[in-house]
Amino acid sequence: MTLNFWQGTNIRLRAVEQEDWKVFQAWNLDSESARSSYFIPFPQSAADLQRMSNNAALERGENEAFRWMIENNEGEAVGTLNTFDTWRRSGTFRYGIAVRREYWGKGYAGEAIRIVLSYYFDELGYQKCTVGIYSFNTQSIRLHEKLGFKLEGRERRMVYTGGKYFDNLIFGITAEEFRALWKNPAADSTRGENEG
């Protein structure tokens, strides 16, 4: 039997496909979720979303940055995770993750993050991951603390949304910290079952 690195217990990570523009279009209608992940965007046309999905579908991981779709076992697209700021010289990278509101609390985000961290640490040889989380996003803060991330800093008043300024919290995890907590991250579904 062939094992797929990108298949976890409850989710599978896959590349973006051209037809995913419809998924992104539906997600864009949830402004509060968008606010937590990045910002509330201007409305996007179907043509623009199709262009974005087509471009993402053709990506091959240049500079070791990539966007995955997160699917549950029923084949439903439940979220997306993208790596960026990959810096081979220092062995560091960042990522962003978004899960559709109706799938929050099912453990999909945590499992996707563990798979990607395992890949970057154990397959590509990166040594540290950093993530920025808006201070009002308490669900994401709790998730990253459960995953073993440490609060490393605070950028004050970096985000303006809903008529208020918020801090950007910087969390980080090293390869050694990750391995100490997660021996087999893709298969371990018992820890943090109620995470985002």
C-alpha atoms as a PDB file:
ATOM      1  CA  MET A   1       0.000   0.000   0.000  1.00  0.00           C
ATOM      2  CA  THR A   2       1.335   3.439  -0.950  1.00  0.00           C
ATOM      3  CA  LEU A   3       1.130   6.099   1.739  1.00  0.00           C
ATOM      4  CA  ASN A   4       0.502   9.702   0.773  1.00  0.00           C
ATOM      5  CA  PHE A   5       2.462  12.209   2.859  1.00  0.00           C
ATOM      6  CA  TRP A   6      -0.289  14.793   2.307  1.00  0.00           C
ATOM      7  CA  GLN A   7      -3.061  12.551   3.666  1.00  0.00           C
ATOM      8  CA  GLY A   8      -3.767  12.904   7.377  1.00  0.00           C
ATOM      9  CA  THR A   9      -6.362  11.232   9.541  1.00  0.00           C
ATOM     10  CA  ASN A  10      -9.139  13.750   8.899  1.00  0.00           C
ATOM     11  CA  ILE A  11      -7.844  15.865   6.015  1.00  0.00           C
ATOM     12  CA  ARG A  12      -5.870  15.792   2.798  1.00  0.00           C
ATOM     13  CA  LEU A  13      -3.747  18.619   1.452  1.00  0.00           C
ATOM     14  CA  ARG A  14      -3.870  19.083  -2.300  1.00  0.00           C
ATOM     15  CA  ALA A  15      -2.908  21.657  -4.888  1.00  0.00           C
ATOM     16  CA  VAL A  16      -5.325  24.357  -5.945  1.00  0.00           C
ATOM     17  CA  GLU A  17      -7.357  23.357  -9.005  1.00  0.00           C
ATOM     18  CA  GLN A  18      -8.807  25.736 -11.599  1.00  0.00           C
ATOM     19  CA  GLU A  19     -12.377  25.047 -10.500  1.00  0.00           C
ATOM     20  CA  ASP A  20     -11.564  26.138  -6.925  1.00  0.00           C
ATOM     21  CA  TRP A  21     -12.443  29.706  -7.917  1.00  0.00           C
ATOM     22  CA  LYS A  22     -16.027  28.870  -6.910  1.00  0.00           C
ATOM     23  CA  VAL A  23     -14.848  27.870  -3.432  1.00  0.00           C
ATOM     24  CA  PHE A  24     -12.902  31.126  -3.050  1.00  0.00           C
ATOM     25  CA  GLN A  25     -15.935  33.074  -4.254  1.00  0.00           C
ATOM     26  CA  ALA A  26     -18.117  31.510  -1.545  1.00  0.00           C
ATOM     27  CA  TRP A  27     -15.451  32.160   1.116  1.00  0.00           C
ATOM     28  CA  ASN A  28     -15.218  35.819   0.138  1.00  0.00           C
ATOM     29  CA  LEU A  29     -18.824  36.279   1.234  1.00  0.00           C
ATOM     30  CA  ASP A  30     -17.826  35.690   4.897  1.00  0.00           C
ATOM     31  CA  SER A  31     -16.317  39.070   5.775  1.00  0.00           C
ATOM     32  CA  GLU A  32     -15.698  38.238   9.449  1.00  0.00           C
ATOM     33  CA  SER A  33     -13.565  35.213   8.549  1.00  0.00           C
ATOM     34  CA  ALA A  34     -11.640  37.337   6.050  1.00  0.00           C
ATOM     35  CA  ARG A  35     -11.046  39.956   8.752  1.00  0.00           C
ATOM     36  CA  SER A  36      -9.419  37.326  11.003  1.00  0.00           C
ATOM     37  CA  SER A  37      -7.159  36.010   8.260  1.00  0.00           C
ATOM     38  CA  TYR A  38      -6.014  39.176   6.516  1.00  0.00           C
ATOM     39  CA  PHE A  39      -8.551  41.963   5.819  1.00  0.00           C
ATOM     40  CA  ILE A  40     -11.966  42.505   4.273  1.00  0.00           C
ATOM     41  CA  PRO A  41     -11.257  42.733   0.548  1.00  0.00           C
ATOM     42  CA  PHE A  42     -13.078  44.589  -2.176  1.00  0.00           C
ATOM     43  CA  PRO A  43     -15.533  42.284  -3.955  1.00  0.00           C
ATOM     44  CA  GLN A  44     -13.787  40.080  -6.521  1.00  0.00           C
ATOM     45  CA  SER A  45     -15.251  39.214  -9.885  1.00  0.00           C
ATOM     46  CA  ALA A  46     -15.592  35.657 -11.066  1.00  0.00           C
ATOM     47  CA  ALA A  47     -13.029  36.453 -13.786  1.00  0.00           C
ATOM     48  CA  ASP A  48     -10.482  37.653 -11.204  1.00  0.00           C
ATOM     49  CA  LEU A  49     -11.028  34.590  -9.012  1.00  0.00           C
ATOM     50  CA  GLN A  50     -10.715  32.320 -12.048  1.00  0.00           C
ATOM     51  CA  ARG A  51      -7.415  34.007 -12.961  1.00  0.00           C
ATOM     52  CA  MET A  52      -6.145  33.600  -9.389  1.00  0.00           C
ATOM     53  CA  SER A  53      -7.155  29.916  -9.271  1.00  0.00           C
ATOM     54  CA  ASN A  54      -5.628  29.261 -12.694  1.00  0.00           C
ATOM     55  CA  ASN A  55      -2.333  30.833 -11.594  1.00  0.00           C
ATOM     56  CA  ALA A  56      -2.333  28.926  -8.299  1.00  0.00           C
ATOM     57  CA  ALA A  57      -3.121  25.676 -10.122  1.00  0.00           C
ATOM     58  CA  LEU A  58       0.038  26.144 -12.208  1.00  0.00           C
ATOM     59  CA  GLU A  59       2.335  26.795  -9.229  1.00  0.00           C
ATOM     60  CA  ARG A  60       5.031  24.242  -8.609  1.00  0.00           C
ATOM     61  CA  GLY A  61       6.426  25.457  -5.300  1.00  0.00           C
ATOM     62  CA  GLU A  62       8.923  27.979  -6.649  1.00  0.00           C
ATOM     63  CA  ASN A  63      11.204  29.167  -3.856  1.00  0.00           C
ATOM     64  CA  GLU A  64       9.502  26.498  -1.714  1.00  0.00           C
ATOM     65  CA  ALA A  65       6.395  28.676  -1.241  1.00  0.00           C
ATOM     66  CA  PHE A  66       3.086  26.961  -1.982  1.00  0.00           C
ATOM     67  CA  ARG A  67      -0.696  27.131  -1.496  1.00  0.00           C
ATOM     68  CA  TRP A  68      -2.602  24.005  -0.492  1.00  0.00           C
ATOM     69  CA  MET A  69      -6.317  23.371  -0.362  1.00  0.00           C
ATOM     70  CA  ILE A  70      -7.429  21.534   2.777  1.00  0.00           C
ATOM     71  CA  GLU A  71     -10.023  18.833   2.081  1.00  0.00           C
ATOM     72  CA  ASN A  72     -11.859  16.745   4.656  1.00  0.00           C
ATOM     73  CA  ASN A  73     -12.426  13.009   4.199  1.00  0.00           C
ATOM     74  CA  GLU A  74     -15.656  13.756   2.332  1.00  0.00           C
ATOM     75  CA  GLY A  75     -13.681  15.668  -0.316  1.00  0.00           C
ATOM     76  CA  GLU A  76     -15.032  19.080   0.726  1.00  0.00           C
ATOM     77  CA  ALA A  77     -12.666  22.048   0.506  1.00  0.00           C
ATOM     78  CA  VAL A  78     -12.609  23.270   4.116  1.00  0.00           C
ATOM     79  CA  GLY A  79      -9.705  25.716   4.015  1.00  0.00           C
ATOM     80  CA  THR A  80      -6.420  26.805   2.536  1.00  0.00           C
ATOM     81  CA  LEU A  81      -2.851  27.084   3.822  1.00  0.00           C
ATOM     82  CA  ASN A  82      -0.059  28.951   2.086  1.00  0.00           C
ATOM     83  CA  THR A  83       3.623  29.202   2.904  1.00  0.00           C
ATOM     84  CA  PHE A  84       5.622  32.336   2.074  1.00  0.00           C
ATOM     85  CA  ASP A  85       8.748  34.266   3.090  1.00  0.00           C
ATOM     86  CA  THR A  86      10.732  31.057   2.680  1.00  0.00           C
ATOM     87  CA  TRP A  87      14.328  31.929   3.408  1.00  0.00           C
ATOM     88  CA  ARG A  88      16.578  28.966   2.685  1.00  0.00           C
ATOM     89  CA  ARG A  89      19.736  30.671   3.985  1.00  0.00           C
ATOM     90  CA  SER A  90      18.366  30.970   7.535  1.00  0.00           C
ATOM     91  CA  GLY A  91      15.974  28.022   7.273  1.00  0.00           C
ATOM     92  CA  THR A  92      12.889  30.052   8.160  1.00  0.00           C
ATOM     93  CA  PHE A  93       9.421  30.376   6.679  1.00  0.00           C
ATOM     94  CA  ARG A  94       5.944  31.717   7.418  1.00  0.00           C
ATOM     95  CA  TYR A  95       2.443  30.574   6.608  1.00  0.00           C
ATOM     96  CA  GLY A  96      -1.135  31.733   6.640  1.00  0.00           C
ATOM     97  CA  ILE A  97      -4.185  29.535   7.116  1.00  0.00           C
ATOM     98  CA  ALA A  98      -7.905  30.043   6.696  1.00  0.00           C
ATOM     99  CA  VAL A  99     -10.668  27.551   7.450  1.00  0.00           C
ATOM    100  CA  ARG A 100     -14.292  28.079   6.465  1.00  0.00           C
ATOM    101  CA  ARG A 101     -16.397  29.049   9.460  1.00  0.00           C
ATOM    102  CA  GLU A 102     -18.671  25.993   9.247  1.00  0.00           C
ATOM    103  CA  TYR A 103     -15.602  23.766   9.735  1.00  0.00           C
ATOM    104  CA  TRP A 104     -14.102  25.543  12.737  1.00  0.00           C
ATOM    105  CA  GLY A 105     -13.426  23.411  15.816  1.00  0.00           C
ATOM    106  CA  LYS A 106     -13.060  20.107  13.939  1.00  0.00           C
ATOM    107  CA  GLY A 107      -9.263  19.882  14.122  1.00  0.00           C
ATOM    108  CA  TYR A 108      -8.699  20.474  10.403  1.00  0.00           C
ATOM    109  CA  ALA A 109      -6.432  23.517  10.829  1.00  0.00           C
ATOM    110  CA  GLY A 110      -4.206  21.852  13.411  1.00  0.00           C
ATOM    111  CA  GLU A 111      -3.771  18.719  11.321  1.00  0.00           C
ATOM    112  CA  ALA A 112      -2.969  20.734   8.183  1.00  0.00           C
ATOM    113  CA  ILE A 113      -0.403  22.827  10.060  1.00  0.00           C
ATOM    114  CA  ARG A 114       1.281  19.719  11.511  1.00  0.00           C
ATOM    115  CA  ILE A 115       1.584  18.129   8.053  1.00  0.00           C
ATOM    116  CA  VAL A 116       3.112  21.273   6.539  1.00  0.00           C
ATOM    117  CA  LEU A 117       5.483  21.803   9.487  1.00  0.00           C
ATOM    118  CA  SER A 118       6.586  18.180   9.229  1.00  0.00           C
ATOM    119  CA  TYR A 119       7.289  18.634   5.520  1.00  0.00           C
ATOM    120  CA  TYR A 120       9.284  21.838   5.934  1.00  0.00           C
ATOM    121  CA  PHE A 121      11.237  20.615   8.969  1.00  0.00           C
ATOM    122  CA  ASP A 122      11.796  16.946   8.088  1.00  0.00           C
ATOM    123  CA  GLU A 123      11.828  16.952   4.284  1.00  0.00           C
ATOM    124  CA  LEU A 124      13.113  20.390   3.280  1.00  0.00           C
ATOM    125  CA  GLY A 125      15.391  20.999   6.278  1.00  0.00           C
ATOM    126  CA  TYR A 126      13.941  24.288   7.526  1.00  0.00           C
ATOM    127  CA  GLN A 127      14.601  25.015  11.187  1.00  0.00           C
ATOM    128  CA  LYS A 128      11.964  27.564  12.249  1.00  0.00           C
ATOM    129  CA  CYS A 129       8.455  28.722  11.398  1.00  0.00           C
ATOM    130  CA  THR A 130       6.950  32.084  12.336  1.00  0.00           C
ATOM    131  CA  VAL A 131       3.316  33.130  12.112  1.00  0.00           C
ATOM    132  CA  GLY A 132       1.557  36.445  12.712  1.00  0.00           C
ATOM    133  CA  ILE A 133      -1.837  36.408  14.449  1.00  0.00           C
ATOM    134  CA  TYR A 134      -4.065  39.418  15.035  1.00  0.00           C
ATOM    135  CA  SER A 135      -4.581  40.019  18.755  1.00  0.00           C
ATOM    136  CA  PHE A 136      -8.376  39.726  18.479  1.00  0.00           C
ATOM    137  CA  ASN A 137      -8.161  36.232  16.922  1.00  0.00           C
ATOM    138  CA  THR A 138      -8.237  34.284  20.190  1.00  0.00           C
ATOM    139  CA  GLN A 139      -9.181  31.002  18.496  1.00  0.00           C
ATOM    140  CA  SER A 140      -6.022  31.056  16.358  1.00  0.00           C
ATOM    141  CA  ILE A 141      -3.896  32.081  19.348  1.00  0.00           C
ATOM    142  CA  ARG A 142      -5.161  29.076  21.345  1.00  0.00           C
ATOM    143  CA  LEU A 143      -4.609  26.740  18.392  1.00  0.00           C
ATOM    144  CA  HIS A 144      -0.992  27.806  17.930  1.00  0.00           C
ATOM    145  CA  GLU A 145      -0.274  27.555  21.649  1.00  0.00           C
ATOM    146  CA  LYS A 146      -1.652  23.962  21.587  1.00  0.00           C
ATOM    147  CA  LEU A 147       0.605  23.212  18.634  1.00  0.00           C
ATOM    148  CA  GLY A 148       3.645  24.350  20.641  1.00  0.00           C
ATOM    149  CA  PHE A 149       4.221  27.815  19.199  1.00  0.00           C
ATOM    150  CA  LYS A 150       5.718  30.393  21.572  1.00  0.00           C
ATOM    151  CA  LEU A 151       4.786  34.066  21.687  1.00  0.00           C
ATOM    152  CA  GLU A 152       7.917  35.883  20.535  1.00  0.00           C
ATOM    153  CA  GLY A 153       6.775  39.441  20.068  1.00  0.00           C
ATOM    154  CA  ARG A 154       4.069  41.995  19.573  1.00  0.00           C
ATOM    155  CA  GLU A 155       3.812  44.589  16.838  1.00  0.00           C
ATOM    156  CA  ARG A 156       1.605  47.236  18.363  1.00  0.00           C
ATOM    157  CA  ARG A 157      -1.299  48.758  16.419  1.00  0.00           C
ATOM    158  CA  MET A 158      -0.436  47.047  13.126  1.00  0.00           C
ATOM    159  CA  VAL A 159      -3.948  46.103  12.044  1.00  0.00           C
ATOM    160  CA  TYR A 160      -6.869  48.451  11.494  1.00  0.00           C
ATOM    161  CA  THR A 161     -10.280  46.819  11.162  1.00  0.00           C
ATOM    162  CA  GLY A 162     -13.777  47.435  12.422  1.00  0.00           C
ATOM    163  CA  GLY A 163     -12.791  51.000  13.332  1.00  0.00           C
ATOM    164  CA  LYS A 164     -10.088  49.918  15.812  1.00  0.00           C
ATOM    165  CA  TYR A 165      -6.363  49.213  15.881  1.00  0.00           C
ATOM    166  CA  PHE A 166      -5.076  45.805  16.942  1.00  0.00           C
ATOM    167  CA  ASP A 167      -1.670  44.298  17.611  1.00  0.00           C
ATOM    168  CA  ASN A 168      -0.040  41.651  15.448  1.00  0.00           C
ATOM    169  CA  LEU A 169       1.281  38.849  17.656  1.00  0.00           C
ATOM    170  CA  ILE A 170       4.349  36.950  16.444  1.00  0.00           C
ATOM    171  CA  PHE A 171       4.466  33.249  17.307  1.00  0.00           C
ATOM    172  CA  GLY A 172       7.292  30.875  16.436  1.00  0.00           C
ATOM    173  CA  ILE A 173       8.253  27.219  16.685  1.00  0.00           C
ATOM    174  CA  THR A 174      11.592  25.540  15.986  1.00  0.00           C
ATOM    175  CA  ALA A 175      12.032  22.138  14.383  1.00  0.00           C
ATOM    176  CA  GLU A 176      13.272  20.728  17.704  1.00  0.00           C
ATOM    177  CA  GLU A 177      10.272  22.073  19.635  1.00  0.00           C
ATOM    178  CA  PHE A 178       7.931  20.648  17.013  1.00  0.00           C
ATOM    179  CA  ARG A 179       9.538  17.197  17.027  1.00  0.00           C
ATOM    180  CA  ALA A 180       9.459  17.055  20.819  1.00  0.00           C
ATOM    181  CA  LEU A 181       5.667  17.457  20.769  1.00  0.00           C
ATOM    182  CA  TRP A 182       4.668  15.765  17.526  1.00  0.00           C
ATOM    183  CA  LYS A 183       6.475  12.519  16.747  1.00  0.00           C
ATOM    184  CA  ASN A 184       4.175  11.674  13.812  1.00  0.00           C
ATOM    185  CA  PRO A 185       2.239  14.859  13.011  1.00  0.00           C
ATOM    186  CA  ALA A 186       0.333  13.631   9.977  1.00  0.00           C
ATOM    187  CA  ALA A 187      -1.109  10.625  11.801  1.00  0.00           C
ATOM    188  CA  ASP A 188      -1.550  12.095  15.292  1.00  0.00           C
ATOM    189  CA  SER A 189      -5.183  13.149  15.539  1.00  0.00           C
ATOM    190  CA  THR A 190      -5.586  12.636  19.272  1.00  0.00           C
ATOM    191  CA  ARG A 191      -4.089  15.913  20.479  1.00  0.00           C
ATOM    192  CA  GLY A 192      -6.046  19.134  20.249  1.00  0.00           C
ATOM    193  CA  GLU A 193      -9.153  17.556  18.736  1.00  0.00           C
ATOM    194  CA  ASN A 194     -11.172  20.741  19.184  1.00  0.00           C
ATOM    195  CA  GLU A 195      -8.611  23.051  17.634  1.00  0.00           C
ATOM    196  CA  GLY A 196      -9.447  25.368  14.741  1.00  0.00           C
END
